[in-house]
PDB file of all heavy atoms in Angstrom:
ATOM      1  N   GLN A   1       0.838  -1.186   0.011  1.00  0.00           N
ATOM      2  CA  GLN A   1      -0.022   0.006  -0.011  1.00  0.00           C
ATOM      3  C   GLN A   1       0.900   1.241   0.030  1.00  0.00           C
ATOM      4  O   GLN A   1       1.869   1.270   0.776  1.00  0.00           O
ATOM      5  CB  GLN A   1      -0.931   0.057   1.201  1.00  0.00           C
ATOM      6  CG  GLN A   1      -1.946   1.097   1.225  1.00  0.00           C
ATOM      7  CD  GLN A   1      -3.064   0.773   0.266  1.00  0.00           C
ATOM      8  OE1 GLN A   1      -3.234  -0.233  -0.242  1.00  0.00           O
ATOM      9  NE2 GLN A   1      -3.890   1.843   0.071  1.00  0.00           N
ATOM     10  N   VAL A   2       0.524   2.204  -0.814  1.00  0.00           N
ATOM     11  CA  VAL A   2       1.352   3.462  -0.886  1.00  0.00           C
ATOM     12  C   VAL A   2       0.440   4.557  -0.410  1.00  0.00           C
ATOM     13  O   VAL A   2      -0.761   4.625  -0.715  1.00  0.00           O
ATOM     14  CB  VAL A   2       1.797   3.668  -2.389  1.00  0.00           C
ATOM     15  CG1 VAL A   2       0.669   3.880  -3.309  1.00  0.00           C
ATOM     16  CG2 VAL A   2       2.719   4.867  -2.430  1.00  0.00           C
ATOM     17  N   GLN A   3       1.096   5.542   0.250  1.00  0.00           N
ATOM     18  CA  GLN A   3       0.340   6.692   0.673  1.00  0.00           C
ATOM     19  C   GLN A   3       0.957   7.939  -0.103  1.00  0.00           C
ATOM     20  O   GLN A   3       2.160   8.027  -0.271  1.00  0.00           O
ATOM     21  CB  GLN A   3       0.606   6.999   2.180  1.00  0.00           C
ATOM     22  CG  GLN A   3      -0.160   5.991   3.091  1.00  0.00           C
ATOM     23  CD  GLN A   3       0.580   4.676   3.156  1.00  0.00           C
ATOM     24  OE1 GLN A   3       1.803   4.695   3.413  1.00  0.00           O
ATOM     25  NE2 GLN A   3      -0.163   3.535   3.044  1.00  0.00           N
ATOM     26  N   LEU A   4       0.042   8.792  -0.581  1.00  0.00           N
ATOM     27  CA  LEU A   4       0.499   9.836  -1.455  1.00  0.00           C
ATOM     28  C   LEU A   4      -0.006  11.145  -0.864  1.00  0.00           C
ATOM     29  O   LEU A   4      -1.190  11.237  -0.450  1.00  0.00           O
ATOM     30  CB  LEU A   4      -0.011   9.685  -2.864  1.00  0.00           C
ATOM     31  CG  LEU A   4       0.362   8.371  -3.581  1.00  0.00           C
ATOM     32  CD1 LEU A   4      -0.457   8.231  -4.843  1.00  0.00           C
ATOM     33  CD2 LEU A   4       1.805   8.340  -3.841  1.00  0.00           C
ATOM     34  N   VAL A   5       0.839  12.192  -0.819  1.00  0.00           N
ATOM     35  CA  VAL A   5       0.437  13.537  -0.349  1.00  0.00           C
ATOM     36  C   VAL A   5       0.831  14.552  -1.307  1.00  0.00           C
ATOM     37  O   VAL A   5       2.049  14.765  -1.559  1.00  0.00           O
ATOM     38  CB  VAL A   5       1.099  13.866   1.076  1.00  0.00           C
ATOM     39  CG1 VAL A   5       0.686  15.129   1.503  1.00  0.00           C
ATOM     40  CG2 VAL A   5       0.681  12.743   2.020  1.00  0.00           C
ATOM     41  N   GLU A   6      -0.160  15.229  -1.898  1.00  0.00           N
ATOM     42  CA  GLU A   6       0.143  16.298  -2.909  1.00  0.00           C
ATOM     43  C   GLU A   6       0.266  17.625  -2.170  1.00  0.00           C
ATOM     44  O   GLU A   6      -0.365  17.895  -1.106  1.00  0.00           O
ATOM     45  CB  GLU A   6      -1.080  16.443  -3.883  1.00  0.00           C
ATOM     46  CG  GLU A   6      -1.416  15.205  -4.623  1.00  0.00           C
ATOM     47  CD  GLU A   6      -2.528  14.357  -4.079  1.00  0.00           C
ATOM     48  OE1 GLU A   6      -2.668  14.478  -2.831  1.00  0.00           O
ATOM     49  OE2 GLU A   6      -3.138  13.614  -4.771  1.00  0.00           O
ATOM     50  N   SER A   7       1.005  18.547  -2.785  1.00  0.00           N
ATOM     51  CA  SER A   7       1.193  19.904  -2.310  1.00  0.00           C
ATOM     52  C   SER A   7       1.544  20.798  -3.583  1.00  0.00           C
ATOM     53  O   SER A   7       1.871  20.331  -4.594  1.00  0.00           O
ATOM     54  CB  SER A   7       2.211  20.008  -1.298  1.00  0.00           C
ATOM     55  OG  SER A   7       3.518  19.665  -1.747  1.00  0.00           O
ATOM     56  N   GLY A   8       1.415  22.098  -3.321  1.00  0.00           N
ATOM     57  CA  GLY A   8       1.787  23.057  -4.321  1.00  0.00           C
ATOM     58  C   GLY A   8       0.709  23.771  -5.045  1.00  0.00           C
ATOM     59  O   GLY A   8       0.979  24.632  -5.851  1.00  0.00           O
ATOM     60  N   GLY A   9      -0.485  23.392  -4.823  1.00  0.00           N
ATOM     61  CA  GLY A   9      -1.564  24.055  -5.469  1.00  0.00           C
ATOM     62  C   GLY A   9      -1.793  25.472  -4.981  1.00  0.00           C
ATOM     63  O   GLY A   9      -1.197  25.849  -4.041  1.00  0.00           O
ATOM     64  N   GLY A  10      -2.705  26.112  -5.606  1.00  0.00           N
ATOM     65  CA  GLY A  10      -2.959  27.587  -5.258  1.00  0.00           C
ATOM     66  C   GLY A  10      -3.757  28.340  -6.310  1.00  0.00           C
ATOM     67  O   GLY A  10      -4.192  27.773  -7.292  1.00  0.00           O
ATOM     68  N   LEU A  11      -3.767  29.601  -6.098  1.00  0.00           N
ATOM     69  CA  LEU A  11      -4.476  30.560  -7.032  1.00  0.00           C
ATOM     70  C   LEU A  11      -3.338  31.305  -7.864  1.00  0.00           C
ATOM     71  O   LEU A  11      -2.384  31.868  -7.271  1.00  0.00           O
ATOM     72  CB  LEU A  11      -5.275  31.536  -6.292  1.00  0.00           C
ATOM     73  CG  LEU A  11      -5.872  32.711  -7.030  1.00  0.00           C
ATOM     74  CD1 LEU A  11      -6.886  32.185  -8.059  1.00  0.00           C
ATOM     75  CD2 LEU A  11      -6.547  33.683  -6.020  1.00  0.00           C
ATOM     76  N   VAL A  12      -3.550  31.289  -9.140  1.00  0.00           N
ATOM     77  CA  VAL A  12      -2.533  31.933 -10.058  1.00  0.00           C
ATOM     78  C   VAL A  12      -3.271  32.553 -11.236  1.00  0.00           C
ATOM     79  O   VAL A  12      -4.366  32.146 -11.569  1.00  0.00           O
ATOM     80  CB  VAL A  12      -1.528  30.911 -10.569  1.00  0.00           C
ATOM     81  CG1 VAL A  12      -2.152  29.818 -11.435  1.00  0.00           C
ATOM     82  CG2 VAL A  12      -0.352  31.562 -11.231  1.00  0.00           C
ATOM     83  N   GLN A  13      -2.775  33.626 -11.747  1.00  0.00           N
ATOM     84  CA  GLN A  13      -3.306  34.295 -12.862  1.00  0.00           C
ATOM     85  C   GLN A  13      -3.013  33.561 -14.113  1.00  0.00           C
ATOM     86  O   GLN A  13      -1.964  32.809 -14.226  1.00  0.00           O
ATOM     87  CB  GLN A  13      -2.781  35.707 -12.940  1.00  0.00           C
ATOM     88  CG  GLN A  13      -3.315  36.678 -11.960  1.00  0.00           C
ATOM     89  CD  GLN A  13      -2.983  38.127 -12.252  1.00  0.00           C
ATOM     90  OE1 GLN A  13      -1.920  38.419 -12.877  1.00  0.00           O
ATOM     91  NE2 GLN A  13      -3.719  39.004 -11.719  1.00  0.00           N
ATOM     92  N   ALA A  14      -3.862  33.606 -15.179  1.00  0.00           N
ATOM     93  CA  ALA A  14      -3.627  33.049 -16.448  1.00  0.00           C
ATOM     94  C   ALA A  14      -2.296  33.441 -16.954  1.00  0.00           C
ATOM     95  O   ALA A  14      -1.867  34.587 -16.816  1.00  0.00           O
ATOM     96  CB  ALA A  14      -4.738  33.462 -17.403  1.00  0.00           C
ATOM     97  N   GLY A  15      -1.579  32.492 -17.489  1.00  0.00           N
ATOM     98  CA  GLY A  15      -0.223  32.671 -17.942  1.00  0.00           C
ATOM     99  C   GLY A  15       0.872  32.402 -16.946  1.00  0.00           C
ATOM    100  O   GLY A  15       2.064  32.302 -17.230  1.00  0.00           O
ATOM    101  N   GLY A  16       0.401  32.224 -15.677  1.00  0.00           N
ATOM    102  CA  GLY A  16       1.432  31.896 -14.642  1.00  0.00           C
ATOM    103  C   GLY A  16       1.827  30.492 -14.551  1.00  0.00           C
ATOM    104  O   GLY A  16       1.389  29.617 -15.393  1.00  0.00           O
ATOM    105  N   SER A  17       2.615  30.201 -13.478  1.00  0.00           N
ATOM    106  CA  SER A  17       3.141  28.808 -13.331  1.00  0.00           C
ATOM    107  C   SER A  17       2.929  28.344 -11.899  1.00  0.00           C
ATOM    108  O   SER A  17       2.826  29.139 -10.999  1.00  0.00           O
ATOM    109  CB  SER A  17       4.598  28.815 -13.624  1.00  0.00           C
ATOM    110  OG  SER A  17       4.900  29.092 -14.933  1.00  0.00           O
ATOM    111  N   LEU A  18       2.811  27.047 -11.798  1.00  0.00           N
ATOM    112  CA  LEU A  18       2.817  26.339 -10.486  1.00  0.00           C
ATOM    113  C   LEU A  18       3.552  25.059 -10.608  1.00  0.00           C
ATOM    114  O   LEU A  18       3.569  24.431 -11.702  1.00  0.00           O
ATOM    115  CB  LEU A  18       1.376  26.114 -10.037  1.00  0.00           C
ATOM    116  CG  LEU A  18       0.510  27.159  -9.458  1.00  0.00           C
ATOM    117  CD1 LEU A  18      -0.912  26.626  -9.167  1.00  0.00           C
ATOM    118  CD2 LEU A  18       1.111  27.746  -8.204  1.00  0.00           C
ATOM    119  N   LYS A  19       4.135  24.595  -9.505  1.00  0.00           N
ATOM    120  CA  LYS A  19       4.746  23.243  -9.470  1.00  0.00           C
ATOM    121  C   LYS A  19       4.141  22.462  -8.370  1.00  0.00           C
ATOM    122  O   LYS A  19       4.200  22.848  -7.139  1.00  0.00           O
ATOM    123  CB  LYS A  19       6.259  23.402  -9.239  1.00  0.00           C
ATOM    124  CG  LYS A  19       6.965  22.055  -9.414  1.00  0.00           C
ATOM    125  CD  LYS A  19       8.487  22.273  -9.325  1.00  0.00           C
ATOM    126  CE  LYS A  19       9.232  20.936  -9.493  1.00  0.00           C
ATOM    127  NZ  LYS A  19      10.722  21.051  -9.569  1.00  0.00           N
ATOM    128  N   LEU A  20       3.498  21.407  -8.732  1.00  0.00           N
ATOM    129  CA  LEU A  20       2.947  20.422  -7.772  1.00  0.00           C
ATOM    130  C   LEU A  20       3.932  19.367  -7.368  1.00  0.00           C
ATOM    131  O   LEU A  20       4.734  18.944  -8.227  1.00  0.00           O
ATOM    132  CB  LEU A  20       1.697  19.788  -8.395  1.00  0.00           C
ATOM    133  CG  LEU A  20       0.617  20.751  -8.905  1.00  0.00           C
ATOM    134  CD1 LEU A  20      -0.618  19.819  -9.412  1.00  0.00           C
ATOM    135  CD2 LEU A  20       0.199  21.760  -7.935  1.00  0.00           C
ATOM    136  N   SER A  21       3.850  18.906  -6.210  1.00  0.00           N
ATOM    137  CA  SER A  21       4.641  17.810  -5.638  1.00  0.00           C
ATOM    138  C   SER A  21       3.802  16.801  -5.102  1.00  0.00           C
ATOM    139  O   SER A  21       2.760  17.030  -4.500  1.00  0.00           O
ATOM    140  CB  SER A  21       5.685  18.288  -4.638  1.00  0.00           C
ATOM    141  OG  SER A  21       6.539  19.297  -5.128  1.00  0.00           O
ATOM    142  N   CYS A  22       4.206  15.527  -5.186  1.00  0.00           N
ATOM    143  CA  CYS A  22       3.577  14.379  -4.592  1.00  0.00           C
ATOM    144  C   CYS A  22       4.570  13.520  -3.869  1.00  0.00           C
ATOM    145  O   CYS A  22       5.406  12.905  -4.567  1.00  0.00           O
ATOM    146  CB  CYS A  22       2.837  13.607  -5.647  1.00  0.00           C
ATOM    147  SG  CYS A  22       2.090  12.086  -5.052  1.00  0.00           S
ATOM    148  N   ALA A  23       4.534  13.432  -2.575  1.00  0.00           N
ATOM    149  CA  ALA A  23       5.413  12.619  -1.815  1.00  0.00           C
ATOM    150  C   ALA A  23       4.779  11.300  -1.480  1.00  0.00           C
ATOM    151  O   ALA A  23       3.638  11.251  -1.029  1.00  0.00           O
ATOM    152  CB  ALA A  23       5.769  13.442  -0.496  1.00  0.00           C
ATOM    153  N   ALA A  24       5.536  10.290  -1.750  1.00  0.00           N
ATOM    154  CA  ALA A  24       5.052   8.904  -1.591  1.00  0.00           C
ATOM    155  C   ALA A  24       5.736   8.179  -0.479  1.00  0.00           C
ATOM    156  O   ALA A  24       6.908   8.407  -0.205  1.00  0.00           O
ATOM    157  CB  ALA A  24       5.256   8.105  -2.888  1.00  0.00           C
ATOM    158  N   SER A  25       4.984   7.299   0.205  1.00  0.00           N
ATOM    159  CA  SER A  25       5.597   6.474   1.235  1.00  0.00           C
ATOM    160  C   SER A  25       4.814   5.115   1.340  1.00  0.00           C
ATOM    161  O   SER A  25       3.731   5.080   0.785  1.00  0.00           O
ATOM    162  CB  SER A  25       5.513   7.151   2.625  1.00  0.00           C
ATOM    163  OG  SER A  25       4.126   7.419   2.997  1.00  0.00           O
ATOM    164  N   GLY A  26       5.505   4.176   1.867  1.00  0.00           N
ATOM    165  CA  GLY A  26       4.795   2.892   2.120  1.00  0.00           C
ATOM    166  C   GLY A  26       5.198   1.744   1.213  1.00  0.00           C
ATOM    167  O   GLY A  26       4.864   0.587   1.535  1.00  0.00           O
ATOM    168  N   ARG A  27       5.766   1.995   0.062  1.00  0.00           N
ATOM    169  CA  ARG A  27       6.218   0.886  -0.775  1.00  0.00           C
ATOM    170  C   ARG A  27       7.367   1.403  -1.710  1.00  0.00           C
ATOM    171  O   ARG A  27       7.664   2.554  -1.674  1.00  0.00           O
ATOM    172  CB  ARG A  27       5.086   0.278  -1.607  1.00  0.00           C
ATOM    173  CG  ARG A  27       4.525   1.137  -2.723  1.00  0.00           C
ATOM    174  CD  ARG A  27       3.505   0.444  -3.558  1.00  0.00           C
ATOM    175  NE  ARG A  27       3.112   1.279  -4.601  1.00  0.00           N
ATOM    176  CZ  ARG A  27       2.132   1.026  -5.402  1.00  0.00           C
ATOM    177  NH1 ARG A  27       1.482  -0.108  -5.378  1.00  0.00           N
ATOM    178  NH2 ARG A  27       1.778   1.854  -6.462  1.00  0.00           N
ATOM    179  N   ALA A  28       7.861   0.502  -2.543  1.00  0.00           N
ATOM    180  CA  ALA A  28       9.027   0.828  -3.431  1.00  0.00           C
ATOM    181  C   ALA A  28       8.544   1.828  -4.490  1.00  0.00           C
ATOM    182  O   ALA A  28       8.170   1.373  -5.600  1.00  0.00           O
ATOM    183  CB  ALA A  28       9.515  -0.425  -3.970  1.00  0.00           C
ATOM    184  N   PHE A  29       8.678   3.096  -4.202  1.00  0.00           N
ATOM    185  CA  PHE A  29       8.191   4.139  -5.115  1.00  0.00           C
ATOM    186  C   PHE A  29       8.817   3.990  -6.441  1.00  0.00           C
ATOM    187  O   PHE A  29       8.136   4.136  -7.495  1.00  0.00           O
ATOM    188  CB  PHE A  29       8.528   5.451  -4.517  1.00  0.00           C
ATOM    189  CG  PHE A  29       8.351   6.653  -5.399  1.00  0.00           C
ATOM    190  CD1 PHE A  29       7.110   7.233  -5.572  1.00  0.00           C
ATOM    191  CD2 PHE A  29       9.399   7.192  -6.103  1.00  0.00           C
ATOM    192  CE1 PHE A  29       6.865   8.320  -6.400  1.00  0.00           C
ATOM    193  CE2 PHE A  29       9.258   8.348  -6.927  1.00  0.00           C
ATOM    194  CZ  PHE A  29       7.968   8.884  -7.036  1.00  0.00           C
ATOM    195  N   SER A  30      10.162   3.642  -6.520  1.00  0.00           N
ATOM    196  CA  SER A  30      10.849   3.684  -7.804  1.00  0.00           C
ATOM    197  C   SER A  30      10.460   2.601  -8.727  1.00  0.00           C
ATOM    198  O   SER A  30      10.876   2.565  -9.842  1.00  0.00           O
ATOM    199  CB  SER A  30      12.351   3.622  -7.488  1.00  0.00           C
ATOM    200  OG  SER A  30      12.660   2.445  -6.791  1.00  0.00           O
ATOM    201  N   SER A  31       9.651   1.677  -8.278  1.00  0.00           N
ATOM    202  CA  SER A  31       9.234   0.481  -9.116  1.00  0.00           C
ATOM    203  C   SER A  31       7.926   0.686  -9.841  1.00  0.00           C
ATOM    204  O   SER A  31       7.544  -0.100 -10.654  1.00  0.00           O
ATOM    205  CB  SER A  31       9.034  -0.768  -8.222  1.00  0.00           C
ATOM    206  OG  SER A  31      10.249  -1.093  -7.574  1.00  0.00           O
ATOM    207  N   TYR A  32       7.278   1.850  -9.595  1.00  0.00           N
ATOM    208  CA  TYR A  32       5.942   2.048 -10.086  1.00  0.00           C
ATOM    209  C   TYR A  32       5.812   3.277 -10.974  1.00  0.00           C
ATOM    210  O   TYR A  32       6.350   4.342 -10.571  1.00  0.00           O
ATOM    211  CB  TYR A  32       4.917   2.126  -8.982  1.00  0.00           C
ATOM    212  CG  TYR A  32       4.840   0.883  -8.186  1.00  0.00           C
ATOM    213  CD1 TYR A  32       5.649   0.617  -7.127  1.00  0.00           C
ATOM    214  CD2 TYR A  32       3.846  -0.083  -8.489  1.00  0.00           C
ATOM    215  CE1 TYR A  32       5.599  -0.528  -6.411  1.00  0.00           C
ATOM    216  CE2 TYR A  32       3.785  -1.281  -7.797  1.00  0.00           C
ATOM    217  CZ  TYR A  32       4.608  -1.518  -6.777  1.00  0.00           C
ATOM    218  OH  TYR A  32       4.535  -2.668  -6.089  1.00  0.00           O
ATOM    219  N   ALA A  33       5.060   3.291 -12.057  1.00  0.00           N
ATOM    220  CA  ALA A  33       4.708   4.469 -12.777  1.00  0.00           C
ATOM    221  C   ALA A  33       3.817   5.356 -11.926  1.00  0.00           C
ATOM    222  O   ALA A  33       3.104   4.826 -11.018  1.00  0.00           O
ATOM    223  CB  ALA A  33       3.962   4.064 -14.109  1.00  0.00           C
ATOM    224  N   MET A  34       3.907   6.649 -12.154  1.00  0.00           N
ATOM    225  CA  MET A  34       3.129   7.600 -11.406  1.00  0.00           C
ATOM    226  C   MET A  34       2.336   8.500 -12.356  1.00  0.00           C
ATOM    227  O   MET A  34       2.773   8.730 -13.504  1.00  0.00           O
ATOM    228  CB  MET A  34       4.013   8.476 -10.525  1.00  0.00           C
ATOM    229  CG  MET A  34       4.813   7.660  -9.452  1.00  0.00           C
ATOM    230  SD  MET A  34       3.707   6.877  -8.274  1.00  0.00           S
ATOM    231  CE  MET A  34       3.088   8.414  -7.456  1.00  0.00           C
TER     232      MET A  34
END
């Protein structure tokens, strides 16, 4: 079982940028497509 926690969302004006992150725990993250 894997646990996933997203972060980085927010309010931005059109044309702007955001970077989302997702931290995983609980199993071999590197073995799975995301």
